[in-house]
Amino acid sequence: MRPGIAFLKGGYSPAIQEDIKQFNGGLFHDAIAVEITEDELTLLEKAARRDWHSVEPAIFGTLLEQALSARDRSRLGAHYTPRWRLRSLRRIADAIACAAR
C-alpha cells in the first residue's frame, strides 16, 4: 500500500500502526513519504505536545492554502473561510430569512 492510501479509504495505517478515519477530498491522493531524521522526529513530537488552543485557526488554514498551488486548491476545494467572513455571511443570511417571513 503506497503512503497516504489509508487516508483515502480509512483503515489500518502501517506508518502509524493504528486505524485512521477516511479523509475526504483527495488531499492525500498523491501523498509521498518523506524521510526524516531522529532529530526532526523529536522536534515534531515536541511540537505535537504543545498547547495549540490559543493559536487562531485561520493561521493553519492560510498555511494549508499557501502549501497548495492555485490549481490544486481549486481542484480540492481547499479554501479556508475565516470566522469573520462566516459571521458576516450568517448576518446576511439571517437578514434575508427575516425579510422573507
Protein backbone atom coordinates (compact mmCIF):
# COMPACT_ATOMS: atom_id res chain seq x y z
CA MET A 1 0.00 0.00 0.00
CA ARG A 2 1.53 3.33 -1.03
CA PRO A 3 1.85 6.04 1.66
CA GLY A 4 -1.31 8.06 2.08
CA ILE A 5 -3.71 5.41 0.75
CA ALA A 6 -5.18 4.81 4.21
CA PHE A 7 -6.35 8.44 4.21
CA LEU A 8 -8.33 7.81 1.02
CA LYS A 9 -10.20 4.74 2.25
CA GLY A 10 -9.73 4.70 6.01
CA GLY A 11 -8.46 1.65 7.84
CA TYR A 12 -5.17 0.42 9.19
CA SER A 13 -2.08 2.55 8.56
CA PRO A 14 1.22 0.71 8.87
CA ALA A 15 3.02 4.06 9.15
CA ILE A 16 1.38 4.89 12.49
CA GLN A 17 0.30 1.32 13.31
CA GLU A 18 -3.35 2.11 14.01
CA ASP A 19 -6.69 2.60 12.28
CA ILE A 20 -7.46 6.04 10.87
CA LYS A 21 -10.62 7.63 9.51
CA GLN A 22 -11.09 8.41 5.84
CA PHE A 23 -10.11 11.90 4.71
CA ASN A 24 -12.41 13.25 2.01
CA GLY A 25 -11.39 15.48 -0.89
CA GLY A 26 -8.35 13.72 -2.31
CA LEU A 27 -5.82 15.92 -0.49
CA PHE A 28 -3.69 12.85 0.22
CA HIS A 29 -4.28 11.14 -3.12
CA ASP A 30 -0.72 11.64 -4.36
CA ALA A 31 0.95 11.61 -0.95
CA ILE A 32 4.57 10.58 -0.71
CA ALA A 33 6.57 9.51 2.32
CA VAL A 34 9.27 11.95 3.34
CA GLU A 35 12.28 10.59 5.20
CA ILE A 36 13.04 12.46 8.42
CA THR A 37 15.90 12.21 10.88
CA GLU A 38 15.59 11.26 14.53
CA ASP A 39 16.21 14.91 15.46
CA GLU A 40 13.39 16.05 13.17
CA LEU A 41 11.08 13.42 14.65
CA THR A 42 11.94 14.62 18.15
CA LEU A 43 11.10 18.21 17.15
CA LEU A 44 7.78 17.10 15.63
CA GLU A 45 6.87 15.15 18.77
CA LYS A 46 7.78 18.15 20.93
CA ALA A 47 5.59 20.43 18.77
CA ALA A 48 2.72 17.92 18.93
CA ARG A 49 2.77 18.03 22.74
CA ARG A 50 2.41 21.84 22.82
CA ASP A 51 -0.90 23.52 23.65
CA TRP A 52 -2.16 24.91 20.33
CA HIS A 53 -5.57 26.05 21.62
CA SER A 54 -4.65 29.73 21.73
CA VAL A 55 -3.49 29.78 18.10
CA GLU A 56 -6.04 31.30 15.73
CA PRO A 57 -7.26 28.53 13.36
CA ALA A 58 -7.02 30.94 10.41
CA ILE A 59 -3.24 30.56 10.60
CA PHE A 60 -3.48 26.84 9.84
CA GLY A 61 -5.99 27.46 7.05
CA THR A 62 -3.66 30.02 5.50
CA LEU A 63 -0.69 27.64 5.77
CA LEU A 64 -2.67 24.89 4.03
CA GLU A 65 -3.78 27.19 1.23
CA GLN A 66 -0.27 28.51 0.66
CA ALA A 67 1.17 24.99 0.54
CA LEU A 68 -1.08 24.12 -2.42
CA SER A 69 -0.93 25.51 -5.92
CA ALA A 70 -3.91 27.56 -7.12
CA ARG A 71 -4.88 24.67 -9.40
CA ASP A 72 -4.79 22.15 -6.54
CA ARG A 73 -6.73 24.47 -4.21
CA SER A 74 -9.44 24.78 -6.84
CA ARG A 75 -9.50 21.06 -7.65
CA LEU A 76 -9.67 20.06 -3.97
CA GLY A 77 -11.97 22.86 -2.86
CA ALA A 78 -9.34 23.68 -0.23
CA HIS A 79 -10.29 27.25 0.54
CA TYR A 80 -10.24 28.38 4.15
CA THR A 81 -13.02 30.76 5.17
CA PRO A 82 -12.09 32.89 8.20
CA ARG A 83 -14.52 33.27 11.11
CA TRP A 84 -15.18 36.95 10.48
CA ARG A 85 -16.37 36.19 6.95
CA LEU A 86 -18.61 33.35 8.18
CA ARG A 87 -20.17 35.69 10.77
CA SER A 88 -20.77 38.28 8.06
CA LEU A 89 -22.40 35.71 5.77
CA ARG A 90 -24.55 34.48 8.66
CA ARG A 91 -25.80 38.02 9.37
CA ILE A 92 -26.73 38.43 5.71
CA ALA A 93 -28.49 35.05 5.63
CA ASP A 94 -30.40 35.90 8.83
CA ALA A 95 -31.48 39.27 7.37
CA ILE A 96 -32.73 37.57 4.18
CA ALA A 97 -34.58 34.95 6.21
CA CYS A 98 -36.26 37.64 8.36
CA ALA A 99 -37.26 39.64 5.29
CA ALA A 100 -38.79 36.55 3.69
CA ARG A 101 -41.11 35.88 6.65
